[in-house]
N, C-alpha and C. Protein backbone atom coordinates (compact mmCIF):
# COMPACT_ATOMS: atom_id res chain seq x y z
N MET A 1 11.96 9.34 -13.29
CA MET A 1 12.19 8.43 -11.98
C MET A 1 13.07 7.24 -12.15
N LYS A 2 13.62 7.04 -11.13
CA LYS A 2 14.73 5.96 -11.10
C LYS A 2 14.47 4.98 -9.96
N GLY A 3 14.74 3.80 -9.91
CA GLY A 3 14.23 2.57 -8.74
C GLY A 3 13.37 1.78 -8.99
N SER A 4 13.08 1.07 -7.99
CA SER A 4 11.94 0.31 -8.24
C SER A 4 11.48 -0.26 -6.98
N ASN A 5 10.14 -0.76 -6.73
CA ASN A 5 9.83 -1.10 -5.68
C ASN A 5 8.53 -1.86 -5.55
N LEU A 6 7.71 -2.46 -4.60
CA LEU A 6 6.99 -3.39 -4.49
C LEU A 6 5.59 -2.61 -3.90
N GLN A 7 4.46 -2.67 -4.33
CA GLN A 7 3.25 -1.95 -3.97
C GLN A 7 2.04 -2.90 -3.97
N ILE A 8 1.16 -2.45 -2.99
CA ILE A 8 0.04 -3.24 -2.72
C ILE A 8 -0.96 -1.87 -2.93
N HIS A 9 -1.90 -2.47 -4.05
CA HIS A 9 -2.99 -1.40 -4.43
C HIS A 9 -4.27 -1.58 -3.84
N PHE A 10 -5.03 -1.02 -3.09
CA PHE A 10 -6.14 -1.40 -2.44
C PHE A 10 -7.16 -0.41 -2.59
N GLY A 11 -8.51 -0.57 -2.54
CA GLY A 11 -9.51 0.54 -2.58
C GLY A 11 -9.77 0.49 -3.97
N ILE A 12 -9.32 -0.35 -5.06
CA ILE A 12 -9.55 -0.20 -6.45
C ILE A 12 -10.94 0.21 -7.06
N SER A 13 -11.05 1.40 -7.71
CA SER A 13 -12.15 1.23 -8.61
C SER A 13 -12.67 0.54 -9.40
N GLU A 14 -14.05 0.33 -9.93
CA GLU A 14 -14.26 -0.62 -10.69
C GLU A 14 -13.51 -0.61 -11.95
N ASP A 15 -13.41 0.58 -12.41
CA ASP A 15 -12.67 0.55 -13.74
C ASP A 15 -11.35 0.63 -13.75
N GLY A 16 -10.73 0.60 -12.33
CA GLY A 16 -9.34 0.40 -12.11
C GLY A 16 -8.56 1.66 -12.37
N GLN A 17 -9.00 2.78 -12.60
CA GLN A 17 -8.40 3.88 -12.71
C GLN A 17 -7.97 4.59 -11.33
N ASP A 18 -8.80 4.67 -10.24
CA ASP A 18 -8.74 5.15 -8.77
C ASP A 18 -8.25 3.97 -7.93
N TYR A 19 -7.32 4.49 -7.00
CA TYR A 19 -6.72 3.47 -6.12
C TYR A 19 -6.20 3.94 -4.87
N TYR A 20 -5.71 3.39 -4.00
CA TYR A 20 -4.71 3.67 -2.91
C TYR A 20 -3.73 2.83 -3.02
N LEU A 21 -2.50 2.97 -2.52
CA LEU A 21 -1.56 2.17 -2.55
C LEU A 21 -0.43 2.04 -1.35
N LEU A 22 0.02 0.81 -1.11
CA LEU A 22 1.04 0.89 -0.07
C LEU A 22 2.48 0.58 -0.96
N ASP A 23 3.23 1.63 -0.72
CA ASP A 23 4.48 1.75 -1.72
C ASP A 23 5.93 1.67 -0.96
N PHE A 24 6.26 0.64 -1.22
CA PHE A 24 7.64 0.49 -0.51
C PHE A 24 8.68 1.18 -1.41
N LEU A 25 9.35 2.26 -0.79
CA LEU A 25 9.88 3.33 -1.62
C LEU A 25 11.60 3.09 -1.22
N SER A 26 12.18 1.98 -1.76
CA SER A 26 13.25 1.48 -1.10
C SER A 26 14.53 2.24 -1.31
N GLY A 27 14.35 3.21 -2.42
CA GLY A 27 15.35 4.03 -2.84
C GLY A 27 15.54 5.41 -1.77
N TRP A 28 14.43 5.67 -1.30
CA TRP A 28 14.36 6.43 -0.27
C TRP A 28 13.93 6.16 1.02
N GLN A 29 14.20 4.73 1.29
CA GLN A 29 14.22 4.15 2.64
C GLN A 29 13.13 4.69 3.25
N ALA A 30 11.68 4.46 2.74
CA ALA A 30 10.32 4.90 3.15
C ALA A 30 9.42 4.12 2.90
N LEU A 31 8.20 3.99 3.44
CA LEU A 31 6.97 3.55 3.32
C LEU A 31 5.92 4.65 2.95
N SER A 32 5.31 4.63 1.78
CA SER A 32 4.10 5.38 1.63
C SER A 32 2.62 4.73 1.69
N ILE A 33 1.76 5.73 1.90
CA ILE A 33 0.42 5.30 1.18
C ILE A 33 0.04 6.59 0.39
N SER A 34 -0.21 6.00 -0.53
CA SER A 34 -0.61 7.39 -1.69
C SER A 34 -1.78 7.01 -2.33
N ARG A 35 -2.23 7.85 -3.34
CA ARG A 35 -3.50 7.45 -3.76
C ARG A 35 -3.29 8.03 -5.31
N MET A 36 -4.04 7.52 -6.44
CA MET A 36 -4.10 7.69 -7.73
C MET A 36 -5.66 7.96 -7.97
N LYS A 37 -5.84 9.04 -8.56
CA LYS A 37 -7.27 9.51 -8.58
C LYS A 37 -7.37 10.77 -9.62
N ASP A 38 -8.42 10.18 -10.92
CA ASP A 38 -8.29 11.18 -11.83
C ASP A 38 -7.17 11.45 -12.74
N GLY A 39 -6.22 10.41 -12.58
CA GLY A 39 -4.74 10.44 -13.10
C GLY A 39 -3.65 11.15 -12.65
N LYS A 40 -4.10 11.53 -11.46
CA LYS A 40 -3.17 12.18 -10.65
C LYS A 40 -2.87 11.27 -9.56
N PHE A 41 -1.40 11.60 -8.98
CA PHE A 41 -0.55 10.62 -8.00
C PHE A 41 -0.41 11.77 -6.84
N ALA A 42 -0.81 11.21 -5.64
CA ALA A 42 -0.39 12.01 -4.46
C ALA A 42 0.03 11.10 -3.55
N LYS A 43 1.10 11.45 -2.73
CA LYS A 43 1.71 10.62 -1.37
C LYS A 43 0.91 11.23 -0.37
N LEU A 44 0.20 10.47 0.52
CA LEU A 44 -0.75 10.99 1.60
C LEU A 44 0.16 10.99 2.77
N ASP A 45 0.88 9.94 3.14
CA ASP A 45 1.55 9.43 4.54
C ASP A 45 3.06 9.00 3.90
N VAL A 46 4.07 9.48 4.36
CA VAL A 46 5.13 8.78 4.24
C VAL A 46 5.84 8.87 5.43
N ALA A 47 6.62 7.67 5.69
CA ALA A 47 7.25 7.13 6.98
C ALA A 47 8.62 6.58 6.75
N ASN A 48 9.26 6.63 7.58
CA ASN A 48 10.60 6.36 7.34
C ASN A 48 10.68 4.71 7.43
N PHE A 49 11.33 3.75 6.65
CA PHE A 49 11.29 2.44 6.83
C PHE A 49 12.25 1.86 5.77
N VAL A 50 13.38 1.31 6.32
CA VAL A 50 14.54 0.71 5.54
C VAL A 50 14.35 -1.01 5.11
N SER A 51 13.72 -1.03 4.13
CA SER A 51 13.44 -2.42 3.71
C SER A 51 14.88 -3.01 3.32
N ARG A 52 14.85 -4.35 3.17
CA ARG A 52 16.33 -5.08 3.03
C ARG A 52 15.81 -6.17 1.78
N ARG A 53 16.73 -6.09 0.84
CA ARG A 53 16.67 -6.92 0.07
C ARG A 53 16.61 -8.39 0.41
N GLY A 54 15.80 -9.16 0.03
CA GLY A 54 15.75 -10.54 0.33
C GLY A 54 14.86 -10.93 1.63
N GLN A 55 14.57 -9.78 2.41
CA GLN A 55 14.10 -9.70 3.58
C GLN A 55 12.28 -10.33 3.31
N GLU A 56 11.88 -10.89 4.41
CA GLU A 56 10.33 -11.42 4.04
C GLU A 56 9.77 -10.31 5.12
N TYR A 57 8.51 -9.92 4.84
CA TYR A 57 7.96 -9.03 5.72
C TYR A 57 6.44 -9.28 5.83
N ASP A 58 5.86 -9.41 7.16
CA ASP A 58 4.36 -9.51 7.30
C ASP A 58 3.88 -8.15 7.30
N ILE A 59 3.30 -8.07 6.15
CA ILE A 59 2.37 -6.47 5.96
C ILE A 59 1.14 -6.64 6.04
N VAL A 60 0.26 -5.65 7.09
CA VAL A 60 -0.90 -5.52 7.26
C VAL A 60 -1.70 -4.36 6.83
N ILE A 61 -2.46 -4.15 6.11
CA ILE A 61 -3.14 -2.89 5.83
C ILE A 61 -4.57 -2.77 6.25
N ASP A 62 -4.95 -1.87 7.31
CA ASP A 62 -6.12 -1.93 8.05
C ASP A 62 -6.80 -0.66 7.42
N VAL A 63 -7.80 -1.08 6.82
CA VAL A 63 -8.91 -0.07 6.38
C VAL A 63 -10.13 -0.06 6.94
N ARG A 64 -10.58 0.97 7.74
CA ARG A 64 -11.89 0.76 8.38
C ARG A 64 -12.56 2.51 8.09
N GLY A 65 -13.51 2.44 7.36
CA GLY A 65 -14.46 3.70 7.18
C GLY A 65 -13.27 4.59 6.59
N HIS A 66 -12.83 5.76 7.13
CA HIS A 66 -12.11 6.70 6.60
C HIS A 66 -10.73 6.49 7.45
N SER A 67 -10.35 5.32 7.88
CA SER A 67 -9.05 5.47 8.40
C SER A 67 -8.22 4.09 7.96
N ILE A 68 -6.86 4.42 7.49
CA ILE A 68 -6.05 3.64 6.88
C ILE A 68 -4.87 3.33 7.64
N THR A 69 -4.29 2.22 8.20
CA THR A 69 -2.95 2.41 8.97
C THR A 69 -2.24 1.04 8.02
N SER A 70 -0.94 1.13 8.14
CA SER A 70 -0.29 0.06 7.87
C SER A 70 0.73 -0.36 9.06
N TYR A 71 1.01 -1.62 8.97
CA TYR A 71 1.74 -2.34 10.13
C TYR A 71 3.03 -3.19 9.02
N ILE A 72 3.82 -3.04 9.55
CA ILE A 72 5.07 -4.08 9.06
C ILE A 72 5.62 -5.07 10.33
N ASP A 73 5.41 -6.16 10.20
CA ASP A 73 6.01 -7.03 11.26
C ASP A 73 5.26 -6.57 12.60
N GLY A 74 4.12 -6.22 12.75
CA GLY A 74 3.34 -5.86 13.75
C GLY A 74 3.96 -4.37 14.33
N THR A 75 4.48 -4.03 13.51
CA THR A 75 4.76 -2.30 14.15
C THR A 75 4.01 -1.32 13.44
N LEU A 76 3.50 -0.46 13.87
CA LEU A 76 2.70 0.70 13.20
C LEU A 76 3.67 1.42 12.14
N VAL A 77 3.24 1.87 10.91
CA VAL A 77 4.20 2.44 10.12
C VAL A 77 3.41 3.70 9.79
N ASN A 78 2.19 3.45 8.88
CA ASN A 78 1.55 4.65 8.34
C ASN A 78 0.17 4.87 8.99
N ARG A 79 -0.36 6.00 9.53
CA ARG A 79 -1.62 6.12 9.68
C ARG A 79 -2.31 7.28 9.24
N LEU A 80 -3.36 7.43 8.67
CA LEU A 80 -3.85 8.38 8.17
C LEU A 80 -5.22 8.39 8.22
N THR A 81 -6.19 9.84 7.86
CA THR A 81 -7.64 9.51 7.54
C THR A 81 -7.93 10.06 6.22
N VAL A 82 -8.52 9.67 5.54
CA VAL A 82 -8.96 10.08 4.37
C VAL A 82 -10.65 10.64 4.11
N ALA A 83 -10.88 11.43 3.40
CA ALA A 83 -11.98 12.31 3.17
C ALA A 83 -13.20 10.93 2.91
N THR A 84 -13.23 10.33 2.07
CA THR A 84 -14.27 9.22 2.01
C THR A 84 -13.94 7.75 2.52
N GLU A 85 -14.94 6.93 2.65
CA GLU A 85 -15.02 5.66 3.19
C GLU A 85 -13.88 4.73 1.60
N THR A 86 -13.36 3.86 2.22
CA THR A 86 -12.20 3.17 1.25
C THR A 86 -12.98 1.66 0.70
N ARG A 87 -13.07 1.53 -0.49
CA ARG A 87 -13.86 0.33 -0.95
C ARG A 87 -13.30 -0.02 -1.94
N GLY A 88 -13.36 -1.01 -2.39
CA GLY A 88 -13.03 -1.81 -3.56
C GLY A 88 -11.84 -3.11 -3.53
N GLY A 89 -11.65 -3.26 -4.79
CA GLY A 89 -10.42 -4.25 -5.19
C GLY A 89 -9.01 -3.81 -4.25
N VAL A 90 -8.24 -5.29 -4.35
CA VAL A 90 -6.96 -5.55 -3.97
C VAL A 90 -6.21 -5.86 -4.83
N GLY A 91 -4.85 -5.38 -5.57
CA GLY A 91 -3.60 -5.77 -6.30
C GLY A 91 -2.41 -5.61 -5.92
N LEU A 92 -1.53 -6.73 -6.19
CA LEU A 92 -0.27 -6.95 -5.96
C LEU A 92 0.48 -6.40 -7.09
N ALA A 93 1.70 -5.49 -6.91
CA ALA A 93 2.54 -4.85 -7.87
C ALA A 93 3.50 -4.40 -7.73
N THR A 94 4.45 -4.44 -8.73
CA THR A 94 6.06 -3.98 -8.54
C THR A 94 5.76 -3.19 -9.97
N TRP A 95 7.14 -2.16 -9.60
CA TRP A 95 7.31 -1.10 -10.43
C TRP A 95 8.76 -0.98 -10.72
N GLY A 96 9.25 -0.88 -11.79
CA GLY A 96 10.75 -1.22 -12.01
C GLY A 96 11.22 -2.34 -12.48
N LYS A 97 12.48 -2.26 -13.36
CA LYS A 97 13.02 -3.37 -13.97
C LYS A 97 13.53 -4.40 -13.27
N LYS A 98 14.00 -4.06 -12.09
CA LYS A 98 14.73 -4.83 -11.08
C LYS A 98 13.66 -5.30 -9.72
N THR A 99 12.61 -5.28 -9.88
CA THR A 99 11.98 -5.58 -8.75
C THR A 99 11.46 -6.96 -8.79
N ILE A 100 11.48 -7.90 -7.58
CA ILE A 100 11.45 -8.94 -7.86
C ILE A 100 10.50 -9.22 -6.09
N ALA A 101 9.40 -9.49 -6.37
CA ALA A 101 8.51 -9.81 -5.02
C ALA A 101 8.07 -11.31 -5.12
N ARG A 102 8.01 -11.89 -4.02
CA ARG A 102 7.11 -12.91 -4.03
C ARG A 102 6.10 -12.99 -2.58
N PHE A 103 5.06 -13.54 -2.86
CA PHE A 103 4.15 -13.53 -1.82
C PHE A 103 3.56 -14.67 -1.74
N ARG A 104 3.62 -14.78 -0.27
CA ARG A 104 3.12 -16.05 0.44
C ARG A 104 2.04 -16.02 1.18
N ASP A 105 0.90 -16.87 0.97
CA ASP A 105 -0.18 -16.73 1.69
C ASP A 105 -0.94 -15.55 1.90
N PRO A 106 -1.01 -14.44 1.17
CA PRO A 106 -1.54 -13.37 0.99
C PRO A 106 -3.49 -13.86 1.58
N LYS A 107 -3.71 -12.85 2.29
CA LYS A 107 -4.99 -13.07 2.88
C LYS A 107 -5.89 -11.55 3.27
N ILE A 108 -7.06 -11.87 2.57
CA ILE A 108 -7.85 -10.46 2.57
C ILE A 108 -9.03 -10.93 3.38
N ARG A 109 -9.33 -9.99 4.21
CA ARG A 109 -10.52 -10.25 5.25
C ARG A 109 -11.48 -8.93 5.32
N HIS A 110 -12.51 -9.23 4.85
CA HIS A 110 -13.55 -8.43 4.93
C HIS A 110 -14.44 -8.17 6.14
N TYR A 111 -14.52 -7.26 7.01
CA TYR A 111 -15.51 -7.34 8.10
C TYR A 111 -16.73 -6.24 7.77
N TYR A 112 -17.91 -6.81 7.92
CA TYR A 112 -19.14 -5.99 7.25
C TYR A 112 -19.78 -5.35 8.73
N ARG A 113 -20.41 -4.20 8.73
CA ARG A 113 -21.08 -3.68 9.52
C ARG A 113 -22.55 -3.56 9.15
N TYR A 114 -23.24 -3.78 10.15
CA TYR A 114 -24.71 -4.04 10.13
C TYR A 114 -25.40 -3.07 10.66
């Protein structure tokens, strides 16, 4: 594999082995939501998205029950439904030797159902 990119992991299992991720696929000019489960990686939803080097983005990942949506600068990019409710931790990551990412004021909001 060639390239590098920014990733936001979410729904991370307690052992850290299973998770979803929002993946900036800069080389492909796309944004995907993927899943790592039982050591297997699968892209679940891929949308065209041209990211620009040095550009700052407002990224929102909205996870509610079985629904996952992503927004970049207020515009819907990915939308999908998954088989099980997504729960777990959040992590910020990069992949590749040339990736540099800066995160400013990250916010995680949890909404509980009663």
